[in-house]
N, C-alpha and C. Protein backbone atom coordinates (compact mmCIF):
# COMPACT_ATOMS: atom_id res chain seq x y z
N UNK A 1 12.16 -193.37 -100.52
CA UNK A 1 12.57 -194.49 -99.70
C UNK A 1 12.72 -195.71 -100.60
N UNK A 2 13.81 -196.42 -100.45
CA UNK A 2 14.01 -197.61 -101.26
C UNK A 2 13.58 -198.86 -100.50
N UNK A 3 13.59 -199.98 -101.19
CA UNK A 3 13.09 -201.23 -100.61
C UNK A 3 13.94 -201.70 -99.42
N UNK A 4 15.25 -201.54 -99.49
CA UNK A 4 16.12 -201.97 -98.40
C UNK A 4 15.86 -201.14 -97.14
N UNK A 5 15.74 -199.84 -97.33
CA UNK A 5 15.47 -198.94 -96.21
C UNK A 5 14.12 -199.28 -95.58
N UNK A 6 13.12 -199.50 -96.42
CA UNK A 6 11.78 -199.85 -95.94
C UNK A 6 11.83 -201.12 -95.09
N UNK A 7 12.53 -202.12 -95.58
CA UNK A 7 12.62 -203.40 -94.87
C UNK A 7 13.36 -203.24 -93.54
N UNK A 8 14.47 -202.48 -93.54
CA UNK A 8 15.21 -202.23 -92.30
C UNK A 8 14.34 -201.51 -91.27
N UNK A 9 13.55 -200.54 -91.74
CA UNK A 9 12.69 -199.81 -90.81
C UNK A 9 11.62 -200.72 -90.23
N UNK A 10 11.06 -201.59 -91.05
CA UNK A 10 10.06 -202.54 -90.54
C UNK A 10 10.67 -203.40 -89.45
N UNK A 11 11.85 -203.90 -89.70
CA UNK A 11 12.52 -204.75 -88.72
C UNK A 11 12.89 -203.98 -87.46
N UNK A 12 13.35 -202.74 -87.63
CA UNK A 12 13.69 -201.91 -86.47
C UNK A 12 12.46 -201.66 -85.61
N UNK A 13 11.31 -201.51 -86.26
CA UNK A 13 10.05 -201.33 -85.52
C UNK A 13 9.58 -202.62 -84.86
N UNK A 14 10.21 -203.74 -85.21
CA UNK A 14 9.86 -205.02 -84.61
C UNK A 14 8.54 -205.58 -85.13
N UNK A 15 8.24 -205.29 -86.39
CA UNK A 15 6.97 -205.73 -86.99
C UNK A 15 7.22 -206.78 -88.06
N UNK A 16 6.32 -207.74 -88.09
CA UNK A 16 6.32 -208.70 -89.19
C UNK A 16 5.74 -207.98 -90.41
N UNK A 17 5.84 -208.62 -91.57
CA UNK A 17 5.24 -208.02 -92.76
C UNK A 17 3.73 -207.87 -92.57
N UNK A 18 3.09 -208.88 -92.00
CA UNK A 18 1.65 -208.83 -91.78
C UNK A 18 1.28 -207.70 -90.82
N UNK A 19 2.02 -207.57 -89.73
CA UNK A 19 1.72 -206.52 -88.75
C UNK A 19 1.89 -205.12 -89.36
N UNK A 20 2.97 -204.92 -90.12
CA UNK A 20 3.18 -203.61 -90.72
C UNK A 20 2.14 -203.32 -91.80
N UNK A 21 1.78 -204.34 -92.57
CA UNK A 21 0.74 -204.15 -93.58
C UNK A 21 -0.54 -203.66 -92.91
N UNK A 22 -0.90 -204.25 -91.78
CA UNK A 22 -2.10 -203.82 -91.06
C UNK A 22 -1.97 -202.39 -90.56
N UNK A 23 -0.80 -202.04 -90.02
CA UNK A 23 -0.58 -200.67 -89.54
C UNK A 23 -0.66 -199.65 -90.67
N UNK A 24 -0.15 -200.02 -91.84
CA UNK A 24 -0.15 -199.10 -92.98
C UNK A 24 -1.46 -199.11 -93.75
N UNK A 25 -2.32 -200.07 -93.44
CA UNK A 25 -3.60 -200.16 -94.14
C UNK A 25 -3.45 -200.64 -95.58
N UNK A 26 -2.47 -201.52 -95.79
CA UNK A 26 -2.26 -202.10 -97.13
C UNK A 26 -2.34 -203.61 -97.02
N UNK A 27 -2.46 -204.26 -98.15
CA UNK A 27 -2.50 -205.72 -98.15
C UNK A 27 -1.09 -206.26 -97.94
N UNK A 28 -1.01 -207.50 -97.51
CA UNK A 28 0.28 -208.16 -97.35
C UNK A 28 0.99 -208.26 -98.70
N UNK A 29 0.22 -208.43 -99.77
CA UNK A 29 0.79 -208.50 -101.12
C UNK A 29 1.45 -207.16 -101.49
N UNK A 30 0.81 -206.06 -101.12
CA UNK A 30 1.38 -204.73 -101.37
C UNK A 30 2.68 -204.57 -100.60
N UNK A 31 2.68 -204.97 -99.34
CA UNK A 31 3.89 -204.85 -98.54
C UNK A 31 5.02 -205.70 -99.12
N UNK A 32 4.69 -206.91 -99.55
CA UNK A 32 5.70 -207.75 -100.22
C UNK A 32 6.26 -207.03 -101.45
N UNK A 33 5.36 -206.41 -102.21
CA UNK A 33 5.79 -205.69 -103.42
C UNK A 33 6.72 -204.54 -103.09
N UNK A 34 6.47 -203.84 -101.98
CA UNK A 34 7.37 -202.77 -101.55
C UNK A 34 8.76 -203.33 -101.24
N UNK A 35 8.79 -204.42 -100.48
CA UNK A 35 10.07 -204.97 -100.04
C UNK A 35 10.84 -205.67 -101.15
N UNK A 36 10.14 -206.13 -102.16
CA UNK A 36 10.80 -206.77 -103.30
C UNK A 36 11.19 -205.76 -104.38
N UNK A 37 10.66 -204.54 -104.28
CA UNK A 37 10.96 -203.52 -105.27
C UNK A 37 10.10 -203.61 -106.51
N UNK A 38 9.03 -204.39 -106.43
CA UNK A 38 8.13 -204.52 -107.58
C UNK A 38 7.17 -203.33 -107.67
N UNK A 39 6.99 -202.63 -106.57
CA UNK A 39 6.08 -201.49 -106.53
C UNK A 39 6.77 -200.36 -105.77
N UNK A 40 6.60 -199.17 -106.28
CA UNK A 40 7.15 -198.00 -105.60
C UNK A 40 6.41 -197.80 -104.27
N UNK A 41 7.14 -197.53 -103.23
CA UNK A 41 6.54 -197.31 -101.91
C UNK A 41 5.73 -196.03 -101.97
N UNK A 42 4.46 -196.13 -101.61
CA UNK A 42 3.57 -194.98 -101.71
C UNK A 42 3.97 -193.90 -100.71
N UNK A 43 3.59 -192.67 -101.02
CA UNK A 43 3.85 -191.55 -100.13
C UNK A 43 3.21 -191.81 -98.77
N UNK A 44 1.97 -192.29 -98.77
CA UNK A 44 1.29 -192.51 -97.48
C UNK A 44 2.00 -193.59 -96.66
N UNK A 45 2.48 -194.64 -97.29
CA UNK A 45 3.20 -195.69 -96.57
C UNK A 45 4.52 -195.15 -96.02
N UNK A 46 5.22 -194.38 -96.83
CA UNK A 46 6.49 -193.80 -96.37
C UNK A 46 6.26 -192.87 -95.19
N UNK A 47 5.27 -192.00 -95.30
CA UNK A 47 4.96 -191.08 -94.21
C UNK A 47 4.62 -191.83 -92.93
N UNK A 48 3.81 -192.86 -93.08
CA UNK A 48 3.38 -193.60 -91.90
C UNK A 48 4.52 -194.35 -91.23
N UNK A 49 5.35 -195.00 -92.00
CA UNK A 49 6.46 -195.74 -91.38
C UNK A 49 7.44 -194.78 -90.72
N UNK A 50 7.68 -193.62 -91.32
CA UNK A 50 8.55 -192.63 -90.70
C UNK A 50 7.92 -192.06 -89.44
N UNK A 51 6.60 -191.87 -89.47
CA UNK A 51 5.89 -191.39 -88.27
C UNK A 51 6.04 -192.40 -87.13
N UNK A 52 5.81 -193.68 -87.42
CA UNK A 52 5.95 -194.71 -86.39
C UNK A 52 7.37 -194.75 -85.84
N UNK A 53 8.35 -194.63 -86.72
CA UNK A 53 9.74 -194.60 -86.29
C UNK A 53 10.00 -193.39 -85.40
N UNK A 54 9.48 -192.23 -85.78
CA UNK A 54 9.71 -191.02 -84.98
C UNK A 54 9.10 -191.16 -83.59
N UNK A 55 7.95 -191.80 -83.49
CA UNK A 55 7.31 -192.00 -82.19
C UNK A 55 8.14 -192.95 -81.32
N UNK A 56 8.70 -193.97 -81.92
CA UNK A 56 9.55 -194.90 -81.18
C UNK A 56 10.80 -194.18 -80.69
N UNK A 57 11.42 -193.40 -81.56
CA UNK A 57 12.63 -192.67 -81.19
C UNK A 57 12.34 -191.58 -80.16
N UNK A 58 11.16 -190.95 -80.24
CA UNK A 58 10.79 -189.90 -79.28
C UNK A 58 10.74 -190.47 -77.87
N UNK A 59 10.25 -191.68 -77.74
CA UNK A 59 10.19 -192.33 -76.42
C UNK A 59 11.59 -192.55 -75.88
N UNK A 60 12.56 -192.64 -76.76
CA UNK A 60 13.95 -192.85 -76.34
C UNK A 60 14.65 -191.51 -76.05
N UNK A 61 13.94 -190.40 -76.20
CA UNK A 61 14.49 -189.09 -75.89
C UNK A 61 15.49 -188.56 -76.90
N UNK A 62 15.41 -189.01 -78.15
CA UNK A 62 16.38 -188.65 -79.18
C UNK A 62 16.07 -187.31 -79.86
N UNK A 63 14.82 -186.90 -79.90
CA UNK A 63 14.41 -185.81 -80.79
C UNK A 63 14.34 -184.44 -80.13
N UNK A 64 14.73 -183.43 -80.91
CA UNK A 64 14.59 -182.02 -80.53
C UNK A 64 13.81 -181.33 -81.63
N UNK A 65 13.13 -180.22 -81.33
CA UNK A 65 12.40 -179.49 -82.38
C UNK A 65 13.35 -178.96 -83.46
N UNK A 66 12.84 -178.92 -84.68
CA UNK A 66 13.66 -178.50 -85.82
C UNK A 66 14.20 -177.08 -85.65
N UNK A 67 13.39 -176.17 -85.10
CA UNK A 67 13.84 -174.79 -84.98
C UNK A 67 15.00 -174.66 -83.98
N UNK A 68 15.13 -175.58 -83.05
CA UNK A 68 16.28 -175.59 -82.15
C UNK A 68 17.50 -176.12 -82.90
N UNK A 69 17.34 -177.24 -83.59
CA UNK A 69 18.44 -177.85 -84.33
C UNK A 69 18.95 -176.91 -85.42
N UNK A 70 18.02 -176.28 -86.14
CA UNK A 70 18.38 -175.41 -87.27
C UNK A 70 18.65 -173.96 -86.85
N UNK A 71 18.38 -173.64 -85.56
CA UNK A 71 18.56 -172.28 -85.05
C UNK A 71 17.83 -171.25 -85.93
N UNK A 72 16.56 -171.51 -86.17
CA UNK A 72 15.76 -170.65 -87.06
C UNK A 72 15.50 -169.28 -86.44
N UNK A 73 15.63 -168.23 -87.24
CA UNK A 73 15.28 -166.89 -86.76
C UNK A 73 13.76 -166.76 -86.56
N UNK A 74 13.37 -165.84 -85.72
CA UNK A 74 11.96 -165.67 -85.37
C UNK A 74 11.07 -165.46 -86.59
N UNK A 75 11.52 -164.68 -87.56
CA UNK A 75 10.71 -164.41 -88.75
C UNK A 75 10.41 -165.70 -89.53
N UNK A 76 11.40 -166.56 -89.68
CA UNK A 76 11.19 -167.82 -90.39
C UNK A 76 10.26 -168.74 -89.61
N UNK A 77 10.46 -168.82 -88.30
CA UNK A 77 9.60 -169.66 -87.46
C UNK A 77 8.14 -169.26 -87.60
N UNK A 78 7.87 -167.97 -87.55
CA UNK A 78 6.48 -167.49 -87.61
C UNK A 78 5.81 -167.84 -88.93
N UNK A 79 6.57 -168.01 -89.99
CA UNK A 79 6.01 -168.34 -91.31
C UNK A 79 5.90 -169.85 -91.54
N UNK A 80 6.43 -170.64 -90.61
CA UNK A 80 6.53 -172.08 -90.83
C UNK A 80 5.42 -172.85 -90.11
N UNK A 81 4.75 -173.78 -90.83
CA UNK A 81 3.69 -174.58 -90.20
C UNK A 81 4.20 -175.47 -89.05
N UNK A 82 5.45 -175.88 -89.09
CA UNK A 82 5.98 -176.70 -87.99
C UNK A 82 5.94 -175.90 -86.69
N UNK A 83 6.29 -174.62 -86.74
CA UNK A 83 6.24 -173.75 -85.56
C UNK A 83 4.79 -173.47 -85.18
N UNK A 84 3.98 -173.15 -86.17
CA UNK A 84 2.58 -172.82 -85.92
C UNK A 84 1.87 -173.95 -85.16
N UNK A 85 2.14 -175.19 -85.53
CA UNK A 85 1.48 -176.33 -84.90
C UNK A 85 2.35 -177.00 -83.84
N UNK A 86 3.46 -176.34 -83.47
CA UNK A 86 4.39 -176.88 -82.47
C UNK A 86 4.74 -178.34 -82.77
N UNK A 87 5.11 -178.58 -84.01
CA UNK A 87 5.43 -179.92 -84.49
C UNK A 87 6.87 -179.98 -85.00
N UNK A 88 7.77 -179.39 -84.26
CA UNK A 88 9.18 -179.33 -84.68
C UNK A 88 9.88 -180.67 -84.72
N UNK A 89 9.31 -181.67 -84.06
CA UNK A 89 9.90 -183.00 -84.13
C UNK A 89 9.31 -183.79 -85.30
N UNK A 90 8.28 -183.21 -85.93
CA UNK A 90 7.62 -183.84 -87.07
C UNK A 90 7.63 -182.92 -88.29
N UNK A 91 8.56 -182.00 -88.37
CA UNK A 91 8.60 -181.04 -89.47
C UNK A 91 8.64 -181.73 -90.84
N UNK A 92 9.33 -182.84 -90.92
CA UNK A 92 9.45 -183.61 -92.16
C UNK A 92 8.10 -184.17 -92.60
N UNK A 93 7.17 -184.29 -91.69
CA UNK A 93 5.85 -184.86 -91.96
C UNK A 93 4.88 -183.82 -92.56
N UNK A 94 5.18 -182.56 -92.35
CA UNK A 94 4.28 -181.47 -92.71
C UNK A 94 4.75 -180.78 -93.99
N UNK A 95 3.90 -180.79 -95.00
CA UNK A 95 4.22 -180.04 -96.23
C UNK A 95 4.11 -178.55 -95.96
N UNK A 96 4.89 -177.78 -96.67
CA UNK A 96 4.84 -176.32 -96.55
C UNK A 96 5.79 -175.76 -95.51
N UNK A 97 6.60 -176.59 -94.88
CA UNK A 97 7.56 -176.06 -93.92
C UNK A 97 8.62 -175.25 -94.65
N UNK A 98 9.24 -174.34 -93.94
CA UNK A 98 10.20 -173.42 -94.56
C UNK A 98 11.61 -174.00 -94.41
N UNK A 99 11.83 -175.12 -95.02
CA UNK A 99 13.13 -175.78 -94.97
C UNK A 99 14.04 -175.18 -96.04
N UNK A 100 15.29 -175.01 -95.68
CA UNK A 100 16.25 -174.43 -96.63
C UNK A 100 15.74 -173.10 -97.18
N UNK A 101 15.01 -172.39 -96.37
CA UNK A 101 14.51 -171.03 -96.64
C UNK A 101 13.39 -170.95 -97.67
N UNK A 102 12.84 -172.08 -98.11
CA UNK A 102 11.69 -172.02 -99.01
C UNK A 102 10.81 -173.25 -98.82
N UNK A 103 9.52 -173.08 -99.04
CA UNK A 103 8.57 -174.18 -98.91
C UNK A 103 8.65 -175.07 -100.15
N UNK A 104 8.53 -176.36 -99.94
CA UNK A 104 8.54 -177.31 -101.05
C UNK A 104 7.10 -177.67 -101.41
N UNK A 105 6.86 -177.92 -102.69
CA UNK A 105 5.50 -178.09 -103.18
C UNK A 105 4.96 -179.51 -103.06
N UNK A 106 5.82 -180.53 -103.09
CA UNK A 106 5.31 -181.89 -103.01
C UNK A 106 6.20 -182.74 -102.12
N UNK A 107 5.71 -183.91 -101.78
CA UNK A 107 6.39 -184.81 -100.84
C UNK A 107 7.78 -185.21 -101.32
N UNK A 108 7.92 -185.60 -102.56
CA UNK A 108 9.22 -186.07 -103.07
C UNK A 108 10.26 -184.95 -103.05
N UNK A 109 9.85 -183.75 -103.41
CA UNK A 109 10.75 -182.59 -103.38
C UNK A 109 11.15 -182.31 -101.93
N UNK A 110 10.18 -182.37 -101.03
CA UNK A 110 10.45 -182.13 -99.62
C UNK A 110 11.39 -183.18 -99.05
N UNK A 111 11.12 -184.46 -99.32
CA UNK A 111 11.93 -185.52 -98.76
C UNK A 111 13.36 -185.52 -99.29
N UNK A 112 13.56 -185.02 -100.50
CA UNK A 112 14.92 -184.90 -101.03
C UNK A 112 15.74 -183.97 -100.13
N UNK A 113 15.11 -182.94 -99.60
CA UNK A 113 15.76 -182.02 -98.66
C UNK A 113 15.87 -182.67 -97.28
N UNK A 114 14.76 -183.24 -96.81
CA UNK A 114 14.69 -183.78 -95.45
C UNK A 114 15.67 -184.94 -95.22
N UNK A 115 15.89 -185.76 -96.21
CA UNK A 115 16.78 -186.91 -96.03
C UNK A 115 18.22 -186.49 -95.74
N UNK A 116 18.56 -185.26 -96.10
CA UNK A 116 19.90 -184.74 -95.81
C UNK A 116 19.90 -183.80 -94.61
N UNK A 117 18.78 -183.72 -93.92
CA UNK A 117 18.63 -182.79 -92.81
C UNK A 117 18.85 -183.50 -91.48
N UNK A 118 19.52 -182.83 -90.57
CA UNK A 118 19.82 -183.43 -89.28
C UNK A 118 18.58 -183.70 -88.43
N UNK A 119 17.44 -183.06 -88.73
CA UNK A 119 16.22 -183.31 -87.97
C UNK A 119 15.73 -184.73 -88.25
N UNK A 120 15.58 -185.08 -89.51
CA UNK A 120 15.15 -186.43 -89.88
C UNK A 120 16.24 -187.44 -89.55
N UNK A 121 17.47 -187.09 -89.78
CA UNK A 121 18.58 -188.00 -89.53
C UNK A 121 18.71 -188.34 -88.05
N UNK A 122 18.25 -187.45 -87.17
CA UNK A 122 18.36 -187.68 -85.73
C UNK A 122 17.67 -188.96 -85.30
N UNK A 123 16.60 -189.33 -85.95
CA UNK A 123 15.94 -190.59 -85.60
C UNK A 123 16.05 -191.63 -86.69
N UNK A 124 16.41 -191.24 -87.87
CA UNK A 124 16.45 -192.15 -89.01
C UNK A 124 17.74 -192.97 -89.06
N UNK A 125 18.88 -192.36 -88.88
CA UNK A 125 20.15 -193.05 -89.07
C UNK A 125 20.35 -194.26 -88.16
N UNK A 126 20.05 -194.17 -86.88
CA UNK A 126 20.25 -195.37 -86.06
C UNK A 126 19.42 -196.55 -86.55
N UNK A 127 18.24 -196.29 -87.04
CA UNK A 127 17.35 -197.38 -87.51
C UNK A 127 17.85 -197.94 -88.84
N UNK A 128 18.34 -197.11 -89.72
CA UNK A 128 18.76 -197.61 -91.03
C UNK A 128 20.12 -198.29 -90.96
N UNK A 129 20.86 -198.06 -89.89
CA UNK A 129 22.16 -198.72 -89.73
C UNK A 129 22.07 -200.01 -88.94
N UNK A 130 20.90 -200.32 -88.43
CA UNK A 130 20.71 -201.54 -87.65
C UNK A 130 20.96 -202.75 -88.54
N UNK A 131 21.56 -203.76 -88.02
CA UNK A 131 21.74 -205.02 -88.73
C UNK A 131 20.74 -206.02 -88.21
N UNK A 132 19.61 -206.12 -88.88
CA UNK A 132 18.55 -207.06 -88.48
C UNK A 132 18.39 -208.13 -89.52
């Protein structure tokens, strides 16, 4: 996640820098550093802001489970943690999901796949295209 995307998501969530810093459990100085590009946005901050966004979008009725969107065969679903925990709307949040037919080992590798996936894009694109 880059600094512009992070800032747009904060604004889409309707949070001030101070409010988002409190939600993410970081200092206001850290949040400023994220938005200025002085510090790389941490994995935990990225996960949390995406989680908050997904919850906001879920209330708007935008999200469907990943296995429906991707039309996953039964064998793949049974091997996937998203199916096991019935978290198909949060598949991007869970490491070890069977995306693109193989599990990814770390967050950055996983997000490289997820950012191009229609599951994450279903709630992400409207927020990142907002003009705030």
